[in-house]
Amino acid sequence: MQDRLYLNDGHGHFSRDMQALPSMYENGSCVVSADFNGDGNTDLFVGGRSVAWSYGETPHSYLLENDGHGHFVDVTRRLAPGLKNIGMVTGAVWADINNDHKPDLIVVGEWMPVSVFENTEAGFKNITAKDGLSKTNGWWNCIAAADFDNDGSIDFVAGNLGTNSQLQVSQKEPVRLYLKDFDQNGTLDPIITHYVQGISYPFARLDQLLTQIPELKIKFPNYSDYAHSTINDVFLKDQLDGAEIKEAYTFQSSYIHNNGNGTFTVKKLPFTAQISPVYSMLPIDYNGDGNKDLLLGGNFYAVGTEQGRYDASYGTVLAGDGHGNFRKVSLDRGGFLVGGQVRDMKSIADVHYGPLVIVARNNDSLAVFQSIHPDPQSDNLTIDNQTMENTHGSH
């Protein structure tokens, strides 16, 4: 589980540096780099995703400072104590949100708000509440930064679960996670609840709950006894006391507008961005009109049969108007047709083909897209798709 760093010799050959990183035995999710202290060396943020065999427990994340010789020192407790246990991180991005020429850090994750850490002289300060983002808890999967409204300030887009799910949320009716060792067997029991017609119920079926906590079979010998039970019917008050509770208030993939005054406004992306979980977002001027557009990809298959796998996305192109608004480009015009479980997208320049977009999919081949004949005056963003064979992997 120890993270690795490989050094490039300048000719495309990589060798592992066994001494470069401190001990970090975590299920990690992301690594993003920036020179956060202005000394000319590349530093790192490493996001922790989960604690093995203990869903819902908060892992450790790390802020790593480069000593100038390619070795990294864990400075989290000294410079960013709020990052150590920020949450179940899925994505992060460095961006100068206040135009002070220092990179700030924006972090997203499961059961987390869009969290903003300002780079100050004293270290990194969590300013999420001051920025107006304290109630943005979701099941966020990714985040990307760009100036979408051409005002000189960095905005963000973030991929979430979407709204095409049995789980529906709002600030008044959140999805909750109760985390405690309810049966006292030494293992934390995660219990998820959701609202149905104004009442919060456990999301798990009875058989799923009994597999986790067999003792409940005495209270619920059959399904009818359990059918209308709330969390307070399943557990007594003293059993719930001391449980860690996490909440999610929004599942909408969103555009996060930088107001330029130290606050942000969250605005949902068009419906086509909500039909499946979004795991990758690529800001790119795809039609050559000078405004940032968006490519989206996602899907998630590892869900219970009763829910049905999240597979409604076949790639999405959203055209930006330069004012922070986005409109869907149809598949036949956009040409960005990519199924499967998209996990990452990168744009690269090719001397022969021009800008290319490489799409990584879980347990599938890479897909490569080439822009051809962009027309800024229409929806014609037609792109040529070429799939790279023999590149199957988990991304």
Protein backbone atom coordinates (compact mmCIF):
# COMPACT_ATOMS: atom_id res chain seq x y z
CA MET A 1 0.00 0.00 0.00
CA GLN A 2 3.03 2.30 0.12
CA ASP A 3 2.89 4.98 -2.56
CA ARG A 4 5.66 5.07 -5.16
CA LEU A 5 7.60 7.75 -7.01
CA TYR A 6 9.38 7.03 -10.30
CA LEU A 7 12.05 9.34 -11.71
CA ASN A 8 12.37 10.08 -15.43
CA ASP A 9 15.93 9.96 -16.80
CA GLY A 10 15.01 12.40 -19.59
CA HIS A 11 14.70 9.67 -22.20
CA GLY A 12 11.37 8.19 -21.12
CA HIS A 13 12.85 5.59 -18.78
CA PHE A 14 11.58 5.50 -15.21
CA SER A 15 13.17 4.11 -12.06
CA ARG A 16 11.65 3.86 -8.61
CA ASP A 17 13.15 6.05 -5.89
CA MET A 18 12.83 3.99 -2.72
CA GLN A 19 13.73 6.93 -0.47
CA ALA A 20 11.59 9.67 -2.01
CA LEU A 21 8.40 9.34 0.03
CA PRO A 22 7.58 8.98 3.73
CA SER A 23 5.66 5.96 4.95
CA MET A 24 2.04 6.29 3.80
CA TYR A 25 0.13 3.04 4.06
CA GLU A 26 -3.28 4.28 2.97
CA ASN A 27 -5.83 3.50 0.28
CA GLY A 28 -5.05 6.59 -1.75
CA SER A 29 -7.15 8.27 -4.42
CA CYS A 30 -5.22 11.12 -6.02
CA VAL A 31 -1.93 12.99 -6.20
CA VAL A 32 -1.78 16.63 -7.32
CA SER A 33 1.38 18.71 -7.57
CA ALA A 34 2.25 22.39 -7.09
CA ASP A 35 5.01 24.54 -5.68
CA PHE A 36 2.93 25.68 -2.72
CA ASN A 37 5.78 27.40 -0.84
CA GLY A 38 7.36 29.21 -3.80
CA ASP A 39 10.83 27.69 -3.45
CA GLY A 40 10.93 26.42 -7.04
CA ASN A 41 10.40 22.76 -6.13
CA THR A 42 7.33 20.66 -6.86
CA ASP A 43 5.35 19.69 -3.75
CA LEU A 44 2.47 17.21 -3.45
CA PHE A 45 -0.95 16.65 -1.94
CA VAL A 46 -1.88 12.97 -1.60
CA GLY A 47 -5.56 12.25 -0.95
CA GLY A 48 -6.65 9.32 1.23
CA ARG A 49 -9.69 7.46 -0.11
CA SER A 50 -10.69 4.91 2.53
CA VAL A 51 -9.64 2.76 5.47
CA ALA A 52 -9.39 -0.89 4.46
CA TRP A 53 -12.34 -3.04 5.60
CA SER A 54 -13.91 -0.06 7.37
CA TYR A 55 -16.20 1.91 5.05
CA GLY A 56 -16.97 5.38 6.31
CA GLU A 57 -13.95 5.72 8.55
CA THR A 58 -11.82 8.72 7.64
CA PRO A 59 -8.35 7.94 6.22
CA HIS A 60 -5.27 10.15 6.38
CA SER A 61 -4.33 12.59 3.62
CA TYR A 62 -0.90 14.14 3.24
CA LEU A 63 0.74 17.43 2.33
CA LEU A 64 4.30 16.64 1.20
CA GLU A 65 7.04 19.26 0.91
CA ASN A 66 9.91 18.74 -1.54
CA ASP A 67 13.30 19.21 0.15
CA GLY A 68 14.88 20.32 -3.13
CA HIS A 69 16.54 16.97 -3.76
CA GLY A 70 13.47 15.03 -4.82
CA HIS A 71 12.65 13.75 -1.34
CA PHE A 72 9.37 14.59 0.31
CA VAL A 73 8.64 15.42 3.95
CA ASP A 74 5.21 15.08 5.56
CA VAL A 75 4.33 18.61 6.71
CA THR A 76 0.58 18.04 7.13
CA ARG A 77 0.40 18.55 10.89
CA ARG A 78 2.60 21.64 10.76
CA LEU A 79 1.19 23.46 7.73
CA ALA A 80 -2.26 21.93 7.12
CA PRO A 81 -3.64 20.06 10.15
CA GLY A 82 -7.15 20.35 8.73
CA LEU A 83 -6.12 18.21 5.76
CA LYS A 84 -4.99 15.21 7.79
CA ASN A 85 -8.51 13.87 8.33
CA ILE A 86 -10.42 15.95 5.79
CA GLY A 87 -12.48 12.97 4.64
CA MET A 88 -12.82 10.20 2.05
CA VAL A 89 -11.02 12.12 -0.67
CA THR A 90 -11.68 11.32 -4.32
CA GLY A 91 -10.14 14.30 -6.09
CA ALA A 92 -8.23 17.54 -5.61
CA VAL A 93 -6.88 20.44 -7.64
CA TRP A 94 -4.45 23.29 -7.02
CA ALA A 95 -5.67 26.73 -8.14
CA ASP A 96 -5.08 30.35 -7.22
CA ILE A 97 -8.60 31.29 -6.15
CA ASN A 98 -7.82 34.81 -4.91
CA ASN A 99 -5.20 35.96 -7.44
CA ASP A 100 -2.43 36.30 -4.82
CA HIS A 101 -0.06 34.21 -7.00
CA LYS A 102 -0.05 31.31 -4.52
CA PRO A 103 -1.72 27.96 -5.24
CA ASP A 104 -4.65 27.12 -2.99
CA LEU A 105 -6.02 23.59 -2.61
CA ILE A 106 -9.58 22.44 -3.34
CA VAL A 107 -10.53 18.93 -2.21
CA VAL A 108 -13.66 16.82 -2.85
CA GLY A 109 -14.75 13.42 -1.65
CA GLU A 110 -17.50 11.14 -0.42
CA TRP A 111 -19.67 12.63 2.36
CA MET A 112 -17.57 15.82 2.01
CA PRO A 113 -18.31 19.41 1.05
CA VAL A 114 -16.28 21.02 -1.72
CA SER A 115 -13.46 22.00 0.65
CA VAL A 116 -11.23 25.03 0.06
CA PHE A 117 -7.87 25.49 1.76
CA GLU A 118 -6.32 28.93 1.36
CA ASN A 119 -2.54 29.11 1.12
CA THR A 120 -1.50 31.67 3.79
CA GLU A 121 1.76 32.67 5.43
CA ALA A 122 0.83 30.52 8.43
CA GLY A 123 -0.08 27.47 6.36
CA PHE A 124 -3.29 26.20 4.79
CA LYS A 125 -6.54 27.52 6.28
CA ASN A 126 -9.89 25.82 5.71
CA ILE A 127 -12.16 28.61 4.41
CA THR A 128 -14.98 26.37 3.14
CA ALA A 129 -17.63 27.92 5.39
CA LYS A 130 -16.52 31.49 4.61
CA ASP A 131 -16.67 30.70 0.89
CA GLY A 132 -20.30 29.59 1.16
CA LEU A 133 -19.60 25.90 0.43
CA SER A 134 -20.25 24.35 3.87
CA LYS A 135 -23.51 22.65 2.80
CA THR A 136 -22.19 21.11 -0.42
CA ASN A 137 -21.65 17.63 1.05
CA GLY A 138 -22.09 15.03 -1.67
CA TRP A 139 -20.64 11.87 -3.12
CA TRP A 140 -18.16 13.83 -5.21
CA ASN A 141 -15.91 11.88 -7.58
CA CYS A 142 -13.72 14.50 -9.30
CA ILE A 143 -13.01 18.20 -9.69
CA ALA A 144 -11.48 20.35 -12.44
CA ALA A 145 -10.49 24.03 -12.60
CA ALA A 146 -10.72 26.64 -15.39
CA ASP A 147 -11.91 30.20 -15.99
CA PHE A 148 -15.27 29.34 -17.53
CA ASP A 149 -16.72 32.87 -17.55
CA ASN A 150 -13.61 34.73 -18.77
CA ASP A 151 -13.51 37.09 -15.78
CA GLY A 152 -9.93 36.29 -14.77
CA SER A 153 -10.92 34.17 -11.74
CA ILE A 154 -10.64 30.40 -11.53
CA ASP A 155 -13.94 28.49 -11.41
CA PHE A 156 -14.53 24.78 -10.86
CA VAL A 157 -16.65 21.89 -12.05
CA ALA A 158 -17.19 18.80 -9.90
CA GLY A 159 -18.58 15.37 -10.73
CA ASN A 160 -21.09 13.80 -8.34
CA LEU A 161 -23.33 10.72 -8.11
CA GLY A 162 -26.00 12.35 -10.27
CA THR A 163 -29.74 12.36 -9.76
CA ASN A 164 -30.66 9.17 -11.66
CA SER A 165 -30.69 7.03 -8.53
CA GLN A 166 -32.95 5.65 -5.82
CA LEU A 167 -31.17 7.99 -3.43
CA GLN A 168 -32.58 11.51 -3.58
CA VAL A 169 -31.27 14.24 -1.30
CA SER A 170 -31.71 17.84 -0.22
CA GLN A 171 -30.46 19.95 2.67
CA LYS A 172 -33.69 19.18 4.55
CA GLU A 173 -33.66 15.48 3.66
CA PRO A 174 -30.05 14.30 3.46
CA VAL A 175 -28.72 10.81 3.01
CA ARG A 176 -26.99 9.90 6.27
CA LEU A 177 -24.29 7.47 7.30
CA TYR A 178 -24.34 6.18 10.89
CA LEU A 179 -20.98 4.71 11.82
CA LYS A 180 -20.52 2.69 14.99
CA ASP A 181 -19.71 -0.84 16.18
CA PHE A 182 -23.37 -1.56 16.89
CA ASP A 183 -22.93 -5.29 17.58
CA GLN A 184 -19.68 -4.78 19.52
CA ASN A 185 -17.68 -7.28 17.50
CA GLY A 186 -14.72 -4.98 16.93
CA THR A 187 -15.82 -3.83 13.45
CA LEU A 188 -17.55 -0.57 12.55
CA ASP A 189 -21.03 -1.00 11.05
CA PRO A 190 -21.98 1.58 8.39
CA ILE A 191 -25.74 2.16 8.23
CA ILE A 192 -27.04 4.39 5.42
CA THR A 193 -30.46 6.04 5.66
CA HIS A 194 -32.52 7.99 3.13
CA TYR A 195 -35.84 9.81 3.04
CA VAL A 196 -38.99 8.41 1.46
CA GLN A 197 -42.07 10.66 1.59
CA GLY A 198 -40.61 12.69 4.43
CA ILE A 199 -39.48 9.77 6.61
CA SER A 200 -35.89 8.54 6.91
CA TYR A 201 -35.44 4.77 6.54
CA PRO A 202 -32.41 2.46 6.46
CA PHE A 203 -31.43 1.90 2.83
CA ALA A 204 -30.29 -1.71 3.28
CA ARG A 205 -32.68 -4.61 2.83
CA LEU A 206 -33.29 -6.77 5.90
CA ASP A 207 -31.13 -9.63 4.64
CA GLN A 208 -28.27 -7.21 4.01
CA LEU A 209 -28.66 -5.72 7.47
CA LEU A 210 -28.75 -9.15 9.14
CA THR A 211 -25.60 -10.19 7.34
CA GLN A 212 -23.91 -7.20 8.95
CA ILE A 213 -25.61 -7.39 12.36
CA PRO A 214 -27.11 -10.90 12.89
CA GLU A 215 -28.42 -10.02 16.37
CA LEU A 216 -31.18 -7.93 14.79
CA LYS A 217 -32.93 -11.12 13.66
CA ILE A 218 -34.50 -11.32 17.12
CA LYS A 219 -36.16 -7.91 16.61
CA PHE A 220 -37.01 -8.50 12.93
CA PRO A 221 -37.84 -12.17 12.29
CA ASN A 222 -39.44 -11.35 8.93
CA TYR A 223 -39.54 -8.61 6.32
CA SER A 224 -42.92 -7.22 7.32
CA ASP A 225 -41.57 -6.39 10.80
CA TYR A 226 -38.77 -4.40 9.20
CA ALA A 227 -40.61 -2.81 6.28
CA HIS A 228 -41.62 0.44 7.95
CA SER A 229 -38.82 0.71 10.53
CA THR A 230 -36.82 3.90 10.89
CA ILE A 231 -33.26 4.07 12.22
CA ASN A 232 -34.76 4.76 15.67
CA ASP A 233 -36.81 1.57 15.41
CA VAL A 234 -33.77 -0.49 14.49
CA PHE A 235 -31.52 0.88 17.23
CA LEU A 236 -32.28 2.19 20.70
CA LYS A 237 -31.25 5.73 21.61
CA ASP A 238 -28.32 4.57 23.73
CA GLN A 239 -27.14 2.41 20.83
CA LEU A 240 -27.11 5.46 18.52
CA ASP A 241 -25.34 7.63 21.08
CA GLY A 242 -21.72 8.09 20.07
CA ALA A 243 -22.28 7.08 16.45
CA GLU A 244 -20.41 9.20 13.91
CA ILE A 245 -22.93 10.71 11.49
CA LYS A 246 -22.02 11.87 7.99
CA GLU A 247 -24.47 13.54 5.61
CA ALA A 248 -24.84 14.24 1.90
CA TYR A 249 -27.01 17.15 0.77
CA THR A 250 -26.51 17.14 -3.00
CA PHE A 251 -25.83 14.56 -5.69
CA GLN A 252 -25.84 17.02 -8.60
CA SER A 253 -22.73 17.36 -10.71
CA SER A 254 -22.10 21.08 -10.54
CA TYR A 255 -20.46 24.24 -11.83
CA ILE A 256 -18.88 26.21 -8.97
CA HIS A 257 -18.60 29.87 -9.93
CA ASN A 258 -15.94 32.06 -8.36
CA ASN A 259 -17.73 35.30 -7.50
CA GLY A 260 -14.42 37.15 -7.22
CA ASN A 261 -15.15 38.35 -3.67
CA GLY A 262 -14.06 35.30 -1.70
CA THR A 263 -17.31 33.38 -2.20
CA PHE A 264 -18.59 30.76 -4.63
CA THR A 265 -21.99 30.01 -6.16
CA VAL A 266 -22.91 26.41 -6.92
CA LYS A 267 -25.03 25.78 -10.00
CA LYS A 268 -26.12 22.37 -11.30
CA LEU A 269 -24.93 21.28 -14.73
CA PRO A 270 -27.49 20.39 -17.44
CA PHE A 271 -29.61 17.26 -17.09
CA THR A 272 -27.38 15.14 -19.31
CA ALA A 273 -24.63 15.51 -16.70
CA GLN A 274 -26.92 14.07 -14.02
CA ILE A 275 -27.97 10.76 -15.59
CA SER A 276 -25.00 8.79 -14.25
CA PRO A 277 -22.10 9.30 -11.83
CA VAL A 278 -19.40 11.56 -13.32
CA TYR A 279 -15.84 10.42 -12.65
CA SER A 280 -13.89 12.61 -15.05
CA MET A 281 -14.30 16.16 -16.35
CA LEU A 282 -12.06 17.75 -18.96
CA PRO A 283 -12.25 21.53 -19.58
CA ILE A 284 -11.28 22.12 -23.21
CA ASP A 285 -12.15 24.57 -25.96
CA TYR A 286 -13.52 21.91 -28.25
CA ASN A 287 -15.16 24.12 -30.86
CA GLY A 288 -12.52 26.83 -31.13
CA ASP A 289 -14.72 29.75 -30.03
CA GLY A 290 -12.36 30.84 -27.23
CA ASN A 291 -14.62 29.58 -24.42
CA LYS A 292 -14.02 26.55 -22.22
CA ASP A 293 -16.27 23.59 -22.95
CA LEU A 294 -16.58 20.36 -20.97
CA LEU A 295 -16.17 16.67 -21.70
CA LEU A 296 -17.74 14.37 -19.12
CA GLY A 297 -17.43 10.63 -18.55
CA GLY A 298 -18.42 8.21 -15.83
CA ASN A 299 -20.66 5.23 -14.95
CA PHE A 300 -20.30 2.72 -12.13
CA TYR A 301 -21.18 -0.97 -12.37
CA ALA A 302 -20.40 -2.34 -8.88
CA VAL A 303 -23.82 -1.74 -7.32
CA GLY A 304 -26.50 -4.06 -6.00
CA THR A 305 -28.81 -5.80 -8.44
CA GLU A 306 -31.88 -4.13 -6.97
CA GLN A 307 -30.48 -0.70 -7.83
CA GLY A 308 -29.34 -1.47 -11.35
CA ARG A 309 -25.86 -0.47 -12.43
CA TYR A 310 -25.16 3.16 -13.27
CA ASP A 311 -24.47 2.92 -17.01
CA ALA A 312 -26.56 5.67 -18.63
CA SER A 313 -23.61 7.82 -19.73
CA TYR A 314 -22.06 7.43 -23.18
CA GLY A 315 -19.92 10.53 -22.88
CA THR A 316 -21.16 14.11 -22.72
CA VAL A 317 -20.10 17.32 -24.44
CA LEU A 318 -21.22 20.56 -22.81
CA ALA A 319 -20.56 23.73 -24.80
CA GLY A 320 -19.65 26.76 -22.68
CA ASP A 321 -20.83 30.25 -23.65
CA GLY A 322 -18.01 32.11 -21.87
CA HIS A 323 -20.40 33.35 -19.14
CA GLY A 324 -20.52 30.22 -16.99
CA ASN A 325 -23.46 28.63 -18.81
CA PHE A 326 -23.37 25.23 -20.51
CA ARG A 327 -25.58 23.55 -23.09
CA LYS A 328 -25.71 19.94 -24.14
CA VAL A 329 -24.27 19.03 -27.54
CA SER A 330 -26.09 16.03 -29.02
CA LEU A 331 -24.18 12.79 -29.52
CA ASP A 332 -24.60 12.86 -33.28
CA ARG A 333 -23.08 16.35 -33.46
CA GLY A 334 -20.58 16.06 -30.63
CA GLY A 335 -19.20 12.68 -31.67
CA PHE A 336 -17.84 12.00 -28.18
CA LEU A 337 -19.31 8.52 -27.87
CA VAL A 338 -17.60 6.53 -25.13
CA GLY A 339 -19.29 3.84 -23.05
CA GLY A 340 -17.96 1.86 -20.14
CA GLN A 341 -16.67 3.07 -16.80
CA VAL A 342 -14.69 6.21 -17.63
CA ARG A 343 -12.21 7.09 -14.90
CA ASP A 344 -9.91 9.73 -16.40
CA MET A 345 -9.39 11.93 -19.47
CA LYS A 346 -6.36 13.85 -20.63
CA SER A 347 -5.77 16.20 -23.56
CA ILE A 348 -2.39 16.01 -25.31
CA ALA A 349 -0.87 17.69 -28.34
CA ASP A 350 0.20 15.45 -31.20
CA VAL A 351 2.46 16.76 -33.96
CA HIS A 352 0.59 14.80 -36.62
CA TYR A 353 -3.02 14.85 -35.46
CA GLY A 354 -3.27 18.01 -33.36
CA PRO A 355 -5.08 17.96 -29.97
CA LEU A 356 -6.05 14.46 -28.85
CA VAL A 357 -8.19 13.34 -25.93
CA ILE A 358 -7.24 10.05 -24.27
CA VAL A 359 -9.95 8.36 -22.20
CA ALA A 360 -9.12 5.72 -19.58
CA ARG A 361 -11.83 3.21 -18.70
CA ASN A 362 -12.00 0.64 -15.92
CA ASN A 363 -11.40 -2.92 -17.21
CA ASP A 364 -11.46 -1.69 -20.81
CA SER A 365 -9.25 -0.29 -23.53
CA LEU A 366 -8.10 3.29 -23.83
CA ALA A 367 -10.09 5.40 -26.28
CA VAL A 368 -8.52 8.23 -28.29
CA PHE A 369 -10.50 11.10 -29.80
CA GLN A 370 -9.28 13.57 -32.41
CA SER A 371 -11.02 16.88 -33.13
CA ILE A 372 -11.87 17.42 -36.79
CA HIS A 373 -13.34 20.49 -38.47
CA PRO A 374 -14.56 22.37 -35.38
CA ASP A 375 -17.18 24.98 -36.14
CA PRO A 376 -17.57 27.63 -33.41
CA GLN A 377 -20.85 28.85 -34.92
CA SER A 378 -22.70 25.54 -34.57
CA ASP A 379 -22.94 22.37 -32.53
CA ASN A 380 -20.65 20.61 -34.98
CA LEU A 381 -17.93 19.34 -32.70
CA THR A 382 -17.51 16.11 -34.64
CA ILE A 383 -14.54 14.10 -33.48
CA ASP A 384 -12.92 10.99 -34.76
CA ASN A 385 -12.72 8.05 -32.35
CA GLN A 386 -9.89 5.57 -32.42
CA THR A 387 -9.60 2.84 -29.80
CA MET A 388 -6.20 1.67 -28.64
CA GLU A 389 -6.23 -2.12 -28.36
CA ASN A 390 -4.39 -4.28 -25.81
CA THR A 391 -4.53 -1.56 -23.18
CA HIS A 392 -7.08 -3.12 -20.84
CA GLY A 393 -6.64 -2.12 -17.23
CA SER A 394 -8.15 -0.73 -14.07
CA HIS A 395 -7.86 3.08 -14.03
